[in-house]
Amino acid sequence: MIKRFSVETTSRNQMIGITALVEDIVSESGVDHGLCLIQSLHTTAGLTVNENADPHVCADILARLTEIVPFEKAYQHSEGNSDAHIKASLVGFSESLFVDDGALVLGTWQGLYLCEFDGPRRRHVIVKVVADS
């Protein structure tokens, strides 16, 4: 079974922690050991695992991505959001995390983030928890 949830973003570039939302889905699944597959349903928003203790890490990531892929550049895409497509492709659109003892396996400082690059928008994420056979 695939579960879906939405996230409202509030700015053009933003990283929003979604670990707790995904942990709830894992818990509801009843799976003790397996995999949790998470996917963004957008071409201008990605997913990543990174530090969840210091918010400056997210700010640094967003700043460097904007430096590498600036908003205002001579892009050919007519919608004016080519930078968002490129940033999302660099970050990636999905994550696969282990489930052990009914919980996501993450390091001490790790959290799962939705990365918004073309907001503010309502973003949709799908999650599938698969039990080991």
N, C-alpha and C. Protein backbone atom coordinates (compact mmCIF):
# COMPACT_ATOMS: atom_id res chain seq x y z
N MET A 1 0.84 -1.18 0.00
CA MET A 1 0.00 0.00 0.00
C MET A 1 0.89 1.25 0.00
N ILE A 2 0.50 2.23 -0.78
CA ILE A 2 1.21 3.50 -0.85
C ILE A 2 0.42 4.53 -0.05
N LYS A 3 1.11 5.27 0.80
CA LYS A 3 0.51 6.37 1.56
C LYS A 3 0.98 7.68 0.96
N ARG A 4 0.13 8.67 1.04
CA ARG A 4 0.45 10.00 0.51
C ARG A 4 0.26 11.04 1.60
N PHE A 5 1.07 12.09 1.52
CA PHE A 5 0.84 13.25 2.37
C PHE A 5 1.28 14.50 1.63
N SER A 6 0.79 15.63 2.09
CA SER A 6 1.11 16.92 1.47
C SER A 6 1.87 17.79 2.45
N VAL A 7 2.69 18.66 1.89
CA VAL A 7 3.46 19.63 2.66
C VAL A 7 3.26 20.99 2.02
N GLU A 8 2.90 21.97 2.82
CA GLU A 8 2.78 23.35 2.34
C GLU A 8 4.12 24.05 2.54
N THR A 9 4.71 24.55 1.47
CA THR A 9 5.95 25.30 1.61
C THR A 9 5.63 26.79 1.64
N THR A 10 6.55 27.56 2.19
CA THR A 10 6.28 28.99 2.39
C THR A 10 7.25 29.92 1.69
N SER A 11 8.28 29.37 1.05
CA SER A 11 9.22 30.23 0.34
C SER A 11 9.75 29.52 -0.91
N ARG A 12 10.44 30.26 -1.75
CA ARG A 12 10.93 29.69 -3.02
C ARG A 12 11.89 28.53 -2.78
N ASN A 13 12.85 28.71 -1.90
CA ASN A 13 13.82 27.67 -1.56
C ASN A 13 13.70 27.37 -0.08
N GLN A 14 13.49 26.10 0.24
CA GLN A 14 13.22 25.75 1.62
C GLN A 14 13.46 24.26 1.83
N MET A 15 13.92 23.90 3.01
CA MET A 15 14.04 22.50 3.39
C MET A 15 13.14 22.29 4.60
N ILE A 16 12.20 21.35 4.46
CA ILE A 16 11.22 21.09 5.52
C ILE A 16 11.41 19.66 6.01
N GLY A 17 11.60 19.52 7.31
CA GLY A 17 11.76 18.20 7.90
C GLY A 17 10.46 17.40 7.81
N ILE A 18 10.56 16.20 7.25
CA ILE A 18 9.38 15.34 7.13
C ILE A 18 9.59 13.99 7.81
N THR A 19 10.63 13.89 8.62
CA THR A 19 10.95 12.62 9.28
C THR A 19 9.76 12.09 10.08
N ALA A 20 9.16 12.94 10.90
CA ALA A 20 8.07 12.50 11.77
C ALA A 20 6.87 12.01 10.96
N LEU A 21 6.57 12.66 9.84
CA LEU A 21 5.46 12.23 8.99
C LEU A 21 5.72 10.83 8.43
N VAL A 22 6.95 10.59 8.00
CA VAL A 22 7.30 9.29 7.44
C VAL A 22 7.37 8.24 8.55
N GLU A 23 7.88 8.61 9.71
CA GLU A 23 7.92 7.67 10.84
C GLU A 23 6.52 7.21 11.22
N ASP A 24 5.55 8.12 11.17
CA ASP A 24 4.17 7.75 11.47
C ASP A 24 3.65 6.70 10.49
N ILE A 25 3.98 6.87 9.22
CA ILE A 25 3.55 5.92 8.19
C ILE A 25 4.22 4.56 8.42
N VAL A 26 5.49 4.57 8.76
CA VAL A 26 6.19 3.31 9.06
C VAL A 26 5.52 2.62 10.24
N SER A 27 5.22 3.37 11.27
CA SER A 27 4.57 2.80 12.46
C SER A 27 3.21 2.20 12.10
N GLU A 28 2.41 2.94 11.33
CA GLU A 28 1.09 2.47 10.92
C GLU A 28 1.16 1.21 10.06
N SER A 29 2.27 1.06 9.33
CA SER A 29 2.39 -0.09 8.41
C SER A 29 2.50 -1.42 9.15
N GLY A 30 3.00 -1.39 10.37
CA GLY A 30 3.19 -2.62 11.11
C GLY A 30 4.41 -3.43 10.67
N VAL A 31 5.20 -2.88 9.76
CA VAL A 31 6.39 -3.59 9.27
C VAL A 31 7.50 -3.46 10.31
N ASP A 32 8.05 -4.61 10.70
CA ASP A 32 9.14 -4.61 11.68
C ASP A 32 10.51 -4.47 11.02
N HIS A 33 10.69 -5.13 9.86
CA HIS A 33 11.98 -5.11 9.17
C HIS A 33 11.71 -5.02 7.67
N GLY A 34 12.37 -4.07 7.02
CA GLY A 34 12.18 -3.92 5.59
C GLY A 34 12.76 -2.62 5.07
N LEU A 35 12.07 -2.05 4.08
CA LEU A 35 12.49 -0.81 3.45
C LEU A 35 11.34 0.19 3.44
N CYS A 36 11.71 1.45 3.53
CA CYS A 36 10.76 2.54 3.38
C CYS A 36 11.20 3.35 2.16
N LEU A 37 10.33 3.42 1.17
CA LEU A 37 10.61 4.13 -0.08
C LEU A 37 9.81 5.42 -0.07
N ILE A 38 10.50 6.55 -0.28
CA ILE A 38 9.86 7.87 -0.22
C ILE A 38 10.15 8.58 -1.53
N GLN A 39 9.11 9.19 -2.13
CA GLN A 39 9.28 9.85 -3.43
C GLN A 39 8.52 11.17 -3.47
N SER A 40 9.17 12.19 -3.99
CA SER A 40 8.53 13.46 -4.30
C SER A 40 7.82 13.32 -5.64
N LEU A 41 6.62 13.87 -5.74
CA LEU A 41 5.86 13.78 -6.99
C LEU A 41 6.00 15.05 -7.84
N HIS A 42 7.15 15.69 -7.75
CA HIS A 42 7.35 16.97 -8.43
C HIS A 42 8.72 17.01 -9.10
N THR A 43 8.83 17.84 -10.12
CA THR A 43 10.11 18.00 -10.81
C THR A 43 10.90 19.20 -10.30
N THR A 44 10.34 19.95 -9.37
CA THR A 44 11.04 21.10 -8.81
C THR A 44 11.14 21.02 -7.28
N ALA A 45 10.94 19.84 -6.73
CA ALA A 45 11.12 19.59 -5.30
C ALA A 45 11.74 18.22 -5.13
N GLY A 46 12.74 18.14 -4.27
CA GLY A 46 13.43 16.87 -4.07
C GLY A 46 13.35 16.40 -2.63
N LEU A 47 14.09 15.32 -2.37
CA LEU A 47 14.18 14.74 -1.03
C LEU A 47 15.63 14.49 -0.71
N THR A 48 16.00 14.67 0.56
CA THR A 48 17.35 14.35 0.98
C THR A 48 17.38 13.98 2.45
N VAL A 49 18.41 13.26 2.83
CA VAL A 49 18.70 12.97 4.23
C VAL A 49 19.91 13.81 4.60
N ASN A 50 19.79 14.57 5.70
CA ASN A 50 20.91 15.38 6.15
C ASN A 50 20.76 15.69 7.62
N GLU A 51 21.63 16.53 8.14
CA GLU A 51 21.64 16.84 9.56
C GLU A 51 20.34 17.52 9.99
N ASN A 52 19.83 17.07 11.14
CA ASN A 52 18.59 17.66 11.65
C ASN A 52 18.78 18.38 12.98
N ALA A 53 20.02 18.61 13.40
CA ALA A 53 20.27 19.24 14.69
C ALA A 53 20.52 20.75 14.56
N ASP A 54 21.17 21.17 13.51
CA ASP A 54 21.53 22.57 13.34
C ASP A 54 20.88 23.12 12.08
N PRO A 55 19.91 24.04 12.21
CA PRO A 55 19.23 24.58 11.02
C PRO A 55 20.16 25.33 10.06
N HIS A 56 21.34 25.68 10.53
CA HIS A 56 22.29 26.36 9.65
C HIS A 56 22.76 25.45 8.52
N VAL A 57 22.72 24.14 8.74
CA VAL A 57 23.12 23.19 7.69
C VAL A 57 22.18 23.34 6.50
N CYS A 58 20.87 23.36 6.76
CA CYS A 58 19.90 23.54 5.66
C CYS A 58 20.10 24.88 4.97
N ALA A 59 20.33 25.92 5.74
CA ALA A 59 20.56 27.24 5.15
C ALA A 59 21.81 27.22 4.27
N ASP A 60 22.86 26.55 4.73
CA ASP A 60 24.09 26.45 3.94
C ASP A 60 23.86 25.67 2.65
N ILE A 61 23.13 24.57 2.74
CA ILE A 61 22.85 23.77 1.55
C ILE A 61 22.10 24.61 0.52
N LEU A 62 21.04 25.29 0.96
CA LEU A 62 20.25 26.11 0.04
C LEU A 62 21.08 27.24 -0.55
N ALA A 63 21.92 27.86 0.25
CA ALA A 63 22.76 28.96 -0.24
C ALA A 63 23.75 28.48 -1.29
N ARG A 64 24.37 27.33 -1.06
CA ARG A 64 25.34 26.82 -2.02
C ARG A 64 24.66 26.36 -3.31
N LEU A 65 23.49 25.73 -3.18
CA LEU A 65 22.77 25.33 -4.39
C LEU A 65 22.38 26.56 -5.22
N THR A 66 21.98 27.63 -4.56
CA THR A 66 21.62 28.86 -5.27
C THR A 66 22.85 29.49 -5.91
N GLU A 67 23.99 29.35 -5.26
CA GLU A 67 25.24 29.85 -5.83
C GLU A 67 25.62 29.05 -7.07
N ILE A 68 25.47 27.73 -6.99
CA ILE A 68 25.82 26.85 -8.11
C ILE A 68 24.83 26.98 -9.25
N VAL A 69 23.54 27.10 -8.91
CA VAL A 69 22.47 27.17 -9.90
C VAL A 69 21.62 28.40 -9.59
N PRO A 70 22.02 29.56 -10.08
CA PRO A 70 21.29 30.80 -9.76
C PRO A 70 19.92 30.86 -10.43
N PHE A 71 19.03 31.60 -9.79
CA PHE A 71 17.67 31.78 -10.30
C PHE A 71 17.68 32.52 -11.64
N GLU A 72 18.41 33.61 -11.68
CA GLU A 72 18.44 34.43 -12.89
C GLU A 72 19.64 34.07 -13.74
N LYS A 73 19.37 33.36 -14.78
CA LYS A 73 20.39 32.92 -15.71
C LYS A 73 19.70 32.79 -17.07
N ALA A 74 20.44 32.69 -18.12
CA ALA A 74 19.85 32.58 -19.46
C ALA A 74 19.44 31.13 -19.73
N TYR A 75 18.36 30.71 -19.08
CA TYR A 75 17.84 29.36 -19.29
C TYR A 75 16.87 29.37 -20.48
N GLN A 76 16.73 28.24 -21.15
CA GLN A 76 15.83 28.15 -22.29
C GLN A 76 14.40 27.82 -21.90
N HIS A 77 14.20 27.18 -20.76
CA HIS A 77 12.86 26.79 -20.30
C HIS A 77 12.03 28.05 -20.06
N SER A 78 10.86 28.12 -20.64
CA SER A 78 10.07 29.35 -20.66
C SER A 78 9.31 29.65 -19.36
N GLU A 79 9.20 28.69 -18.45
CA GLU A 79 8.41 28.92 -17.24
C GLU A 79 9.16 29.71 -16.16
N GLY A 80 10.45 29.94 -16.34
CA GLY A 80 11.20 30.73 -15.38
C GLY A 80 11.60 29.97 -14.12
N ASN A 81 11.59 28.65 -14.17
CA ASN A 81 11.97 27.88 -12.99
C ASN A 81 13.00 26.79 -13.31
N SER A 82 13.81 27.03 -14.32
CA SER A 82 14.83 26.05 -14.68
C SER A 82 15.78 25.76 -13.54
N ASP A 83 16.10 26.79 -12.75
CA ASP A 83 16.99 26.57 -11.61
C ASP A 83 16.40 25.53 -10.67
N ALA A 84 15.08 25.58 -10.47
CA ALA A 84 14.42 24.63 -9.57
C ALA A 84 14.50 23.21 -10.12
N HIS A 85 14.33 23.04 -11.42
CA HIS A 85 14.44 21.72 -12.03
C HIS A 85 15.86 21.16 -11.84
N ILE A 86 16.85 22.00 -12.05
CA ILE A 86 18.24 21.57 -11.93
C ILE A 86 18.57 21.22 -10.48
N LYS A 87 18.18 22.09 -9.54
CA LYS A 87 18.45 21.82 -8.12
C LYS A 87 17.79 20.53 -7.66
N ALA A 88 16.56 20.32 -8.07
CA ALA A 88 15.85 19.09 -7.69
C ALA A 88 16.54 17.86 -8.28
N SER A 89 17.02 17.97 -9.51
CA SER A 89 17.74 16.85 -10.12
C SER A 89 19.05 16.57 -9.38
N LEU A 90 19.72 17.61 -8.93
CA LEU A 90 20.96 17.42 -8.18
C LEU A 90 20.71 16.75 -6.83
N VAL A 91 19.65 17.16 -6.16
CA VAL A 91 19.31 16.61 -4.84
C VAL A 91 18.73 15.21 -4.98
N GLY A 92 17.87 15.01 -5.96
CA GLY A 92 17.20 13.72 -6.16
C GLY A 92 15.76 13.77 -5.71
N PHE A 93 14.96 12.83 -6.21
CA PHE A 93 13.52 12.82 -5.99
C PHE A 93 13.04 11.72 -5.06
N SER A 94 13.97 10.86 -4.63
CA SER A 94 13.53 9.76 -3.78
C SER A 94 14.62 9.38 -2.79
N GLU A 95 14.18 8.68 -1.75
CA GLU A 95 15.09 8.13 -0.75
C GLU A 95 14.60 6.73 -0.40
N SER A 96 15.52 5.86 -0.07
CA SER A 96 15.22 4.51 0.42
C SER A 96 15.90 4.37 1.77
N LEU A 97 15.11 4.06 2.80
CA LEU A 97 15.64 3.93 4.14
C LEU A 97 15.27 2.57 4.71
N PHE A 98 16.17 2.00 5.48
CA PHE A 98 15.90 0.73 6.13
C PHE A 98 14.90 0.93 7.28
N VAL A 99 14.12 -0.11 7.51
CA VAL A 99 13.23 -0.18 8.67
C VAL A 99 13.72 -1.34 9.52
N ASP A 100 13.96 -1.08 10.80
CA ASP A 100 14.40 -2.13 11.73
C ASP A 100 13.67 -1.94 13.05
N ASP A 101 13.15 -3.01 13.58
CA ASP A 101 12.35 -2.95 14.82
C ASP A 101 11.20 -1.94 14.70
N GLY A 102 10.61 -1.86 13.52
CA GLY A 102 9.45 -1.00 13.31
C GLY A 102 9.75 0.48 13.21
N ALA A 103 11.02 0.84 13.03
CA ALA A 103 11.39 2.26 12.97
C ALA A 103 12.36 2.52 11.82
N LEU A 104 12.36 3.76 11.32
CA LEU A 104 13.35 4.15 10.31
C LEU A 104 14.74 4.04 10.91
N VAL A 105 15.68 3.59 10.10
CA VAL A 105 17.07 3.55 10.52
C VAL A 105 17.74 4.82 10.03
N LEU A 106 18.01 5.72 10.97
CA LEU A 106 18.69 6.98 10.67
C LEU A 106 19.80 7.18 11.70
N GLY A 107 20.86 7.85 11.30
CA GLY A 107 21.94 8.17 12.22
C GLY A 107 21.46 9.21 13.24
N THR A 108 22.25 9.37 14.28
CA THR A 108 21.90 10.27 15.38
C THR A 108 21.48 11.65 14.92
N TRP A 109 22.17 12.20 13.96
CA TRP A 109 21.91 13.57 13.53
C TRP A 109 21.14 13.65 12.21
N GLN A 110 20.66 12.53 11.70
CA GLN A 110 20.02 12.53 10.38
C GLN A 110 18.52 12.76 10.46
N GLY A 111 18.03 13.49 9.46
CA GLY A 111 16.60 13.69 9.28
C GLY A 111 16.29 13.69 7.79
N LEU A 112 15.04 13.46 7.47
CA LEU A 112 14.58 13.44 6.08
C LEU A 112 13.94 14.78 5.76
N TYR A 113 14.29 15.35 4.62
CA TYR A 113 13.81 16.68 4.23
C TYR A 113 13.17 16.68 2.85
N LEU A 114 12.08 17.44 2.75
CA LEU A 114 11.54 17.84 1.45
C LEU A 114 12.27 19.12 1.08
N CYS A 115 12.83 19.17 -0.11
CA CYS A 115 13.59 20.34 -0.57
C CYS A 115 12.76 21.08 -1.62
N GLU A 116 12.28 22.23 -1.25
CA GLU A 116 11.48 23.08 -2.15
C GLU A 116 12.41 24.01 -2.90
N PHE A 117 12.23 24.06 -4.23
CA PHE A 117 13.05 24.95 -5.05
C PHE A 117 12.21 25.86 -5.95
N ASP A 118 10.88 25.80 -5.83
CA ASP A 118 10.00 26.60 -6.70
C ASP A 118 8.72 26.97 -5.95
N GLY A 119 8.89 27.34 -4.71
CA GLY A 119 7.71 27.62 -3.88
C GLY A 119 7.34 29.08 -3.84
N PRO A 120 6.37 29.36 -3.02
CA PRO A 120 5.65 28.42 -2.16
C PRO A 120 4.61 27.62 -2.94
N ARG A 121 4.45 26.37 -2.50
CA ARG A 121 3.53 25.45 -3.16
C ARG A 121 3.05 24.39 -2.18
N ARG A 122 2.05 23.63 -2.61
CA ARG A 122 1.65 22.42 -1.90
C ARG A 122 2.35 21.27 -2.60
N ARG A 123 3.14 20.51 -1.83
CA ARG A 123 3.92 19.41 -2.38
C ARG A 123 3.35 18.08 -1.90
N HIS A 124 3.47 17.07 -2.76
CA HIS A 124 2.93 15.75 -2.46
C HIS A 124 4.07 14.74 -2.43
N VAL A 125 4.02 13.89 -1.43
CA VAL A 125 5.04 12.87 -1.22
C VAL A 125 4.32 11.52 -1.07
N ILE A 126 4.91 10.48 -1.65
CA ILE A 126 4.36 9.14 -1.47
C ILE A 126 5.37 8.28 -0.71
N VAL A 127 4.83 7.35 0.07
CA VAL A 127 5.66 6.48 0.90
C VAL A 127 5.15 5.04 0.77
N LYS A 128 6.06 4.13 0.59
CA LYS A 128 5.72 2.70 0.59
C LYS A 128 6.68 1.99 1.54
N VAL A 129 6.11 1.24 2.44
CA VAL A 129 6.90 0.46 3.39
C VAL A 129 6.77 -1.01 2.97
N VAL A 130 7.92 -1.64 2.73
CA VAL A 130 7.96 -3.01 2.23
C VAL A 130 8.64 -3.89 3.26
N ALA A 131 7.95 -4.98 3.65
CA ALA A 131 8.51 -5.90 4.62
C ALA A 131 9.53 -6.83 3.97
N ASP A 132 10.54 -7.20 4.73
CA ASP A 132 11.48 -8.24 4.26
C ASP A 132 10.69 -9.53 4.03
N SER A 133 11.10 -10.26 3.02
CA SER A 133 10.38 -11.51 2.74
C SER A 133 10.95 -12.67 3.52
